[in-house]
Amino acid sequence: MKSAGLLLLLMSVAAMGQSNTCPLQPILVKNVASQISVSLQSTSGKQVTAYHLGLTFFDVNGKAHLFPHTFADNVALKSQGKRKAIWHSPQAHQFLQPLAKAYLLDATFSDGTEWLDDGSHLCSVTSVQE
């Protein structure tokens, strides 16, 4: 029964993360071999030039473990474009938890405007780690 509840929670989180208000939607996060990889989809009508992501990992008891730093990228990502960003982080091996959540903190567009997270981490994805 716990597995079904966890699956329902993950599906709910994924559905919330698919909101059209997100200019850059994380669609997959992985922590493998001291590398954090996040696949992203641009959902805005503007070109994204930079962004920051935060990470939280969840242990088997559901306790959140905040990753100690954020990840940044400068990119020319067109509207509806996809990107797989990979960052090497020696600290990643300390966060080998069953669930990883990546969330957009901010995005900058080619016209100079910005999108900022309101603290809700709505633009996110939670992935099961293997």
N, C-alpha and C. Protein backbone atom coordinates (compact mmCIF):
# COMPACT_ATOMS: atom_id res chain seq x y z
N MET A 1 0.82 -1.19 0.00
CA MET A 1 0.00 0.00 0.00
C MET A 1 0.86 1.26 0.00
N LYS A 2 2.03 1.20 0.70
CA LYS A 2 2.91 2.36 0.70
C LYS A 2 3.41 2.67 -0.69
N SER A 3 3.71 1.64 -1.49
CA SER A 3 4.20 1.85 -2.86
C SER A 3 3.16 2.57 -3.70
N ALA A 4 1.91 2.17 -3.55
CA ALA A 4 0.83 2.81 -4.32
C ALA A 4 0.69 4.28 -3.90
N GLY A 5 0.83 4.55 -2.60
CA GLY A 5 0.74 5.92 -2.11
C GLY A 5 1.88 6.78 -2.64
N LEU A 6 3.09 6.21 -2.66
CA LEU A 6 4.26 6.93 -3.17
C LEU A 6 4.10 7.21 -4.66
N LEU A 7 3.61 6.21 -5.40
CA LEU A 7 3.40 6.39 -6.83
C LEU A 7 2.37 7.48 -7.09
N LEU A 8 1.29 7.49 -6.32
CA LEU A 8 0.27 8.52 -6.47
C LEU A 8 0.85 9.90 -6.15
N LEU A 9 1.67 9.98 -5.10
CA LEU A 9 2.31 11.24 -4.76
C LEU A 9 3.21 11.72 -5.89
N LEU A 10 4.01 10.82 -6.46
CA LEU A 10 4.90 11.19 -7.57
C LEU A 10 4.11 11.66 -8.78
N MET A 11 3.01 10.97 -9.08
CA MET A 11 2.19 11.37 -10.22
C MET A 11 1.58 12.75 -9.97
N SER A 12 1.16 13.02 -8.73
CA SER A 12 0.59 14.32 -8.40
C SER A 12 1.63 15.42 -8.53
N VAL A 13 2.84 15.14 -8.02
CA VAL A 13 3.92 16.12 -8.12
C VAL A 13 4.24 16.38 -9.59
N ALA A 14 4.32 15.32 -10.39
CA ALA A 14 4.63 15.49 -11.81
C ALA A 14 3.53 16.29 -12.51
N ALA A 15 2.28 16.04 -12.17
CA ALA A 15 1.17 16.77 -12.79
C ALA A 15 1.24 18.24 -12.41
N MET A 16 1.56 18.54 -11.14
CA MET A 16 1.67 19.93 -10.73
C MET A 16 2.83 20.59 -11.46
N GLY A 17 3.91 19.87 -11.66
CA GLY A 17 5.08 20.41 -12.32
C GLY A 17 4.87 20.70 -13.79
N GLN A 18 3.79 20.22 -14.38
CA GLN A 18 3.54 20.42 -15.80
C GLN A 18 2.76 21.71 -16.07
N SER A 19 2.66 22.57 -15.08
CA SER A 19 1.94 23.83 -15.25
C SER A 19 2.52 24.67 -16.38
N ASN A 20 1.65 25.33 -17.15
CA ASN A 20 2.10 26.18 -18.25
C ASN A 20 2.73 27.48 -17.76
N THR A 21 2.65 27.77 -16.47
CA THR A 21 3.26 28.97 -15.94
C THR A 21 4.78 28.82 -15.80
N CYS A 22 5.29 27.65 -16.00
CA CYS A 22 6.73 27.40 -15.89
C CYS A 22 7.41 27.68 -17.24
N PRO A 23 8.36 28.59 -17.26
CA PRO A 23 9.03 28.88 -18.52
C PRO A 23 10.04 27.81 -18.93
N LEU A 24 10.51 27.07 -17.94
CA LEU A 24 11.51 26.03 -18.17
C LEU A 24 11.18 24.88 -17.23
N GLN A 25 10.66 23.81 -17.80
CA GLN A 25 10.16 22.70 -17.00
C GLN A 25 11.19 21.58 -16.87
N PRO A 26 11.68 21.30 -15.65
CA PRO A 26 12.50 20.10 -15.47
C PRO A 26 11.65 18.86 -15.76
N ILE A 27 12.20 17.90 -16.51
CA ILE A 27 11.42 16.70 -16.83
C ILE A 27 12.07 15.41 -16.33
N LEU A 28 13.34 15.48 -15.91
CA LEU A 28 14.03 14.31 -15.36
C LEU A 28 15.26 14.78 -14.61
N VAL A 29 15.52 14.18 -13.44
CA VAL A 29 16.73 14.48 -12.68
C VAL A 29 17.37 13.16 -12.27
N LYS A 30 18.70 13.10 -12.40
CA LYS A 30 19.45 11.89 -12.04
C LYS A 30 20.72 12.29 -11.30
N ASN A 31 21.10 11.46 -10.33
CA ASN A 31 22.33 11.62 -9.57
C ASN A 31 23.12 10.33 -9.76
N VAL A 32 24.10 10.35 -10.67
CA VAL A 32 24.87 9.15 -10.99
C VAL A 32 26.35 9.51 -11.08
N ALA A 33 27.18 8.73 -10.40
CA ALA A 33 28.64 8.85 -10.50
C ALA A 33 29.13 10.28 -10.28
N SER A 34 28.67 10.90 -9.20
CA SER A 34 29.05 12.27 -8.84
C SER A 34 28.67 13.30 -9.89
N GLN A 35 27.65 12.97 -10.68
CA GLN A 35 27.14 13.92 -11.66
C GLN A 35 25.63 14.09 -11.48
N ILE A 36 25.21 15.32 -11.50
CA ILE A 36 23.79 15.65 -11.47
C ILE A 36 23.39 15.99 -12.89
N SER A 37 22.40 15.29 -13.42
CA SER A 37 21.90 15.63 -14.75
C SER A 37 20.42 15.97 -14.65
N VAL A 38 20.05 17.02 -15.36
CA VAL A 38 18.66 17.47 -15.38
C VAL A 38 18.26 17.72 -16.82
N SER A 39 17.19 17.06 -17.25
CA SER A 39 16.62 17.31 -18.57
C SER A 39 15.54 18.37 -18.41
N LEU A 40 15.54 19.34 -19.33
CA LEU A 40 14.64 20.48 -19.26
C LEU A 40 13.94 20.70 -20.59
N GLN A 41 12.75 21.27 -20.53
CA GLN A 41 11.97 21.64 -21.71
C GLN A 41 11.55 23.09 -21.57
N SER A 42 11.90 23.92 -22.55
CA SER A 42 11.46 25.31 -22.54
C SER A 42 9.98 25.34 -22.92
N THR A 43 9.18 26.00 -22.11
CA THR A 43 7.74 26.07 -22.38
C THR A 43 7.28 27.50 -22.59
N SER A 44 8.22 28.43 -22.59
CA SER A 44 7.87 29.83 -22.77
C SER A 44 7.97 30.19 -24.25
N GLY A 45 7.41 31.29 -24.62
CA GLY A 45 7.51 31.76 -25.99
C GLY A 45 8.78 32.56 -26.24
N LYS A 46 9.65 32.62 -25.23
CA LYS A 46 10.88 33.40 -25.32
C LYS A 46 12.10 32.49 -25.25
N GLN A 47 13.23 32.99 -25.75
CA GLN A 47 14.48 32.25 -25.65
C GLN A 47 15.04 32.42 -24.24
N VAL A 48 15.41 31.31 -23.61
CA VAL A 48 16.02 31.32 -22.28
C VAL A 48 17.53 31.48 -22.46
N THR A 49 18.13 32.39 -21.68
CA THR A 49 19.58 32.60 -21.77
C THR A 49 20.32 32.14 -20.52
N ALA A 50 19.64 32.01 -19.40
CA ALA A 50 20.28 31.56 -18.16
C ALA A 50 19.21 31.06 -17.20
N TYR A 51 19.63 30.19 -16.27
CA TYR A 51 18.70 29.70 -15.25
C TYR A 51 19.48 29.14 -14.07
N HIS A 52 18.78 28.99 -12.95
CA HIS A 52 19.31 28.36 -11.74
C HIS A 52 18.33 27.28 -11.30
N LEU A 53 18.88 26.16 -10.86
CA LEU A 53 18.08 25.05 -10.35
C LEU A 53 18.48 24.74 -8.91
N GLY A 54 17.52 24.29 -8.13
CA GLY A 54 17.78 23.78 -6.79
C GLY A 54 17.47 22.29 -6.78
N LEU A 55 18.03 21.59 -5.80
CA LEU A 55 17.82 20.14 -5.67
C LEU A 55 17.49 19.78 -4.23
N THR A 56 16.55 18.85 -4.09
CA THR A 56 16.24 18.26 -2.80
C THR A 56 16.15 16.76 -3.01
N PHE A 57 16.75 16.01 -2.09
CA PHE A 57 16.68 14.55 -2.14
C PHE A 57 15.83 14.07 -0.98
N PHE A 58 15.14 12.94 -1.17
CA PHE A 58 14.27 12.39 -0.15
C PHE A 58 14.70 10.97 0.17
N ASP A 59 14.88 10.68 1.48
CA ASP A 59 15.30 9.35 1.89
C ASP A 59 14.10 8.41 1.96
N VAL A 60 14.33 7.17 2.38
CA VAL A 60 13.27 6.16 2.41
C VAL A 60 12.15 6.50 3.37
N ASN A 61 12.40 7.38 4.32
CA ASN A 61 11.37 7.82 5.27
C ASN A 61 10.67 9.09 4.82
N GLY A 62 11.04 9.61 3.63
CA GLY A 62 10.43 10.81 3.12
C GLY A 62 11.05 12.10 3.63
N LYS A 63 12.12 11.98 4.41
CA LYS A 63 12.79 13.18 4.94
C LYS A 63 13.56 13.88 3.83
N ALA A 64 13.37 15.20 3.74
CA ALA A 64 14.02 16.00 2.71
C ALA A 64 15.46 16.32 3.11
N HIS A 65 16.36 16.23 2.12
CA HIS A 65 17.77 16.58 2.30
C HIS A 65 18.11 17.59 1.20
N LEU A 66 18.21 18.86 1.59
CA LEU A 66 18.48 19.94 0.65
C LEU A 66 19.92 19.86 0.17
N PHE A 67 20.13 19.91 -1.14
CA PHE A 67 21.48 19.93 -1.67
C PHE A 67 22.09 21.28 -1.30
N PRO A 68 23.38 21.32 -0.90
CA PRO A 68 23.96 22.53 -0.33
C PRO A 68 24.19 23.69 -1.30
N HIS A 69 24.09 23.47 -2.60
CA HIS A 69 24.25 24.59 -3.53
C HIS A 69 23.33 24.41 -4.73
N THR A 70 23.17 25.49 -5.48
CA THR A 70 22.32 25.46 -6.67
C THR A 70 23.18 25.25 -7.90
N PHE A 71 22.52 25.02 -9.02
CA PHE A 71 23.21 24.81 -10.29
C PHE A 71 22.77 25.88 -11.27
N ALA A 72 23.73 26.43 -12.00
CA ALA A 72 23.45 27.51 -12.95
C ALA A 72 23.92 27.11 -14.33
N ASP A 73 23.29 27.70 -15.33
CA ASP A 73 23.66 27.44 -16.71
C ASP A 73 23.37 28.68 -17.55
N ASN A 74 24.29 29.01 -18.43
CA ASN A 74 24.07 30.05 -19.44
C ASN A 74 23.90 29.32 -20.75
N VAL A 75 22.82 29.61 -21.45
CA VAL A 75 22.46 28.82 -22.61
C VAL A 75 21.62 29.66 -23.55
N ALA A 76 21.55 29.27 -24.80
CA ALA A 76 20.62 29.89 -25.75
C ALA A 76 19.59 28.81 -26.10
N LEU A 77 18.56 28.72 -25.26
CA LEU A 77 17.54 27.67 -25.43
C LEU A 77 16.28 28.29 -26.01
N LYS A 78 16.00 27.94 -27.24
CA LYS A 78 14.83 28.50 -27.94
C LYS A 78 13.53 27.99 -27.34
N SER A 79 12.46 28.68 -27.66
CA SER A 79 11.13 28.27 -27.23
C SER A 79 10.86 26.84 -27.67
N GLN A 80 10.36 26.03 -26.76
CA GLN A 80 10.05 24.61 -26.96
C GLN A 80 11.31 23.75 -27.12
N GLY A 81 12.49 24.33 -26.90
CA GLY A 81 13.73 23.57 -26.99
C GLY A 81 13.92 22.67 -25.78
N LYS A 82 14.75 21.64 -25.95
CA LYS A 82 15.07 20.72 -24.86
C LYS A 82 16.57 20.78 -24.59
N ARG A 83 16.93 20.50 -23.34
CA ARG A 83 18.33 20.52 -22.95
C ARG A 83 18.55 19.50 -21.84
N LYS A 84 19.69 18.83 -21.90
CA LYS A 84 20.12 17.98 -20.80
C LYS A 84 21.39 18.61 -20.24
N ALA A 85 21.30 19.14 -19.04
CA ALA A 85 22.43 19.78 -18.39
C ALA A 85 23.07 18.80 -17.42
N ILE A 86 24.40 18.77 -17.40
CA ILE A 86 25.13 17.86 -16.51
C ILE A 86 26.17 18.67 -15.75
N TRP A 87 26.16 18.51 -14.43
CA TRP A 87 27.13 19.17 -13.57
C TRP A 87 27.87 18.11 -12.76
N HIS A 88 29.18 18.22 -12.73
CA HIS A 88 29.99 17.34 -11.88
C HIS A 88 30.00 17.94 -10.48
N SER A 89 29.68 17.14 -9.48
CA SER A 89 29.68 17.63 -8.11
C SER A 89 30.17 16.53 -7.18
N PRO A 90 31.34 16.70 -6.58
CA PRO A 90 31.85 15.68 -5.66
C PRO A 90 30.90 15.40 -4.49
N GLN A 91 30.06 16.37 -4.13
CA GLN A 91 29.11 16.18 -3.03
C GLN A 91 27.94 15.29 -3.40
N ALA A 92 27.72 15.06 -4.68
CA ALA A 92 26.56 14.30 -5.13
C ALA A 92 26.53 12.89 -4.55
N HIS A 93 27.69 12.27 -4.35
CA HIS A 93 27.70 10.90 -3.81
C HIS A 93 27.19 10.84 -2.38
N GLN A 94 27.11 11.96 -1.69
CA GLN A 94 26.57 12.01 -0.33
C GLN A 94 25.04 12.07 -0.33
N PHE A 95 24.44 12.17 -1.52
CA PHE A 95 23.00 12.32 -1.64
C PHE A 95 22.39 11.19 -2.46
N LEU A 96 22.82 9.97 -2.19
CA LEU A 96 22.28 8.81 -2.90
C LEU A 96 21.00 8.37 -2.20
N GLN A 97 19.93 9.09 -2.47
CA GLN A 97 18.62 8.86 -1.87
C GLN A 97 17.67 8.32 -2.93
N PRO A 98 16.56 7.70 -2.53
CA PRO A 98 15.64 7.10 -3.51
C PRO A 98 14.93 8.10 -4.42
N LEU A 99 14.72 9.33 -3.96
CA LEU A 99 14.01 10.32 -4.77
C LEU A 99 14.83 11.60 -4.87
N ALA A 100 14.82 12.20 -6.05
CA ALA A 100 15.49 13.49 -6.27
C ALA A 100 14.48 14.45 -6.89
N LYS A 101 14.47 15.67 -6.40
CA LYS A 101 13.58 16.71 -6.93
C LYS A 101 14.44 17.87 -7.42
N ALA A 102 14.28 18.23 -8.68
CA ALA A 102 14.93 19.41 -9.25
C ALA A 102 13.85 20.46 -9.47
N TYR A 103 14.17 21.70 -9.14
CA TYR A 103 13.19 22.77 -9.30
C TYR A 103 13.85 24.04 -9.80
N LEU A 104 13.13 24.74 -10.64
CA LEU A 104 13.60 25.99 -11.23
C LEU A 104 13.50 27.11 -10.21
N LEU A 105 14.61 27.83 -10.02
CA LEU A 105 14.64 28.97 -9.11
C LEU A 105 14.44 30.28 -9.85
N ASP A 106 15.04 30.39 -11.03
CA ASP A 106 14.86 31.59 -11.84
C ASP A 106 15.27 31.29 -13.28
N ALA A 107 14.82 32.14 -14.17
CA ALA A 107 15.18 32.04 -15.59
C ALA A 107 15.28 33.45 -16.14
N THR A 108 16.28 33.65 -17.00
CA THR A 108 16.46 34.94 -17.68
C THR A 108 16.25 34.73 -19.17
N PHE A 109 15.58 35.69 -19.80
CA PHE A 109 15.23 35.57 -21.21
C PHE A 109 16.07 36.53 -22.05
N SER A 110 16.12 36.27 -23.35
CA SER A 110 16.94 37.09 -24.26
C SER A 110 16.48 38.53 -24.32
N ASP A 111 15.23 38.83 -23.96
CA ASP A 111 14.75 40.21 -23.96
C ASP A 111 15.07 40.93 -22.64
N GLY A 112 15.79 40.26 -21.73
CA GLY A 112 16.20 40.87 -20.47
C GLY A 112 15.23 40.65 -19.33
N THR A 113 14.07 40.09 -19.59
CA THR A 113 13.11 39.84 -18.52
C THR A 113 13.50 38.57 -17.76
N GLU A 114 12.93 38.42 -16.56
CA GLU A 114 13.23 37.27 -15.71
C GLU A 114 11.95 36.65 -15.18
N TRP A 115 12.06 35.37 -14.87
CA TRP A 115 11.02 34.65 -14.13
C TRP A 115 11.65 34.22 -12.82
N LEU A 116 10.96 34.45 -11.71
CA LEU A 116 11.47 34.06 -10.40
C LEU A 116 10.49 33.15 -9.69
N ASP A 117 10.99 32.10 -9.08
CA ASP A 117 10.16 31.20 -8.30
C ASP A 117 9.62 31.95 -7.08
N ASP A 118 8.38 31.70 -6.74
CA ASP A 118 7.76 32.37 -5.59
C ASP A 118 7.96 31.58 -4.30
N GLY A 119 8.81 30.58 -4.33
CA GLY A 119 9.04 29.74 -3.15
C GLY A 119 8.24 28.45 -3.18
N SER A 120 7.34 28.31 -4.14
CA SER A 120 6.48 27.12 -4.22
C SER A 120 7.18 25.94 -4.89
N HIS A 121 8.24 26.20 -5.64
CA HIS A 121 8.95 25.15 -6.41
C HIS A 121 7.99 24.42 -7.33
N LEU A 122 7.05 25.16 -7.90
CA LEU A 122 6.04 24.60 -8.79
C LEU A 122 6.66 24.02 -10.06
N CYS A 123 7.70 24.66 -10.56
CA CYS A 123 8.37 24.19 -11.79
C CYS A 123 9.40 23.14 -11.38
N SER A 124 8.94 21.92 -11.21
CA SER A 124 9.81 20.89 -10.68
C SER A 124 9.47 19.52 -11.25
N VAL A 125 10.40 18.59 -10.99
CA VAL A 125 10.17 17.20 -11.29
C VAL A 125 10.80 16.38 -10.17
N THR A 126 10.16 15.30 -9.80
CA THR A 126 10.72 14.35 -8.84
C THR A 126 10.91 13.04 -9.55
N SER A 127 12.14 12.53 -9.52
CA SER A 127 12.48 11.29 -10.22
C SER A 127 12.97 10.25 -9.23
N VAL A 128 12.62 9.00 -9.50
CA VAL A 128 13.11 7.88 -8.72
C VAL A 128 14.56 7.62 -9.15
N GLN A 129 15.44 7.47 -8.18
CA GLN A 129 16.84 7.20 -8.45
C GLN A 129 17.08 5.70 -8.44
N GLU A 130 17.87 5.20 -9.33
CA GLU A 130 18.10 3.77 -9.45
C GLU A 130 19.30 3.35 -8.65
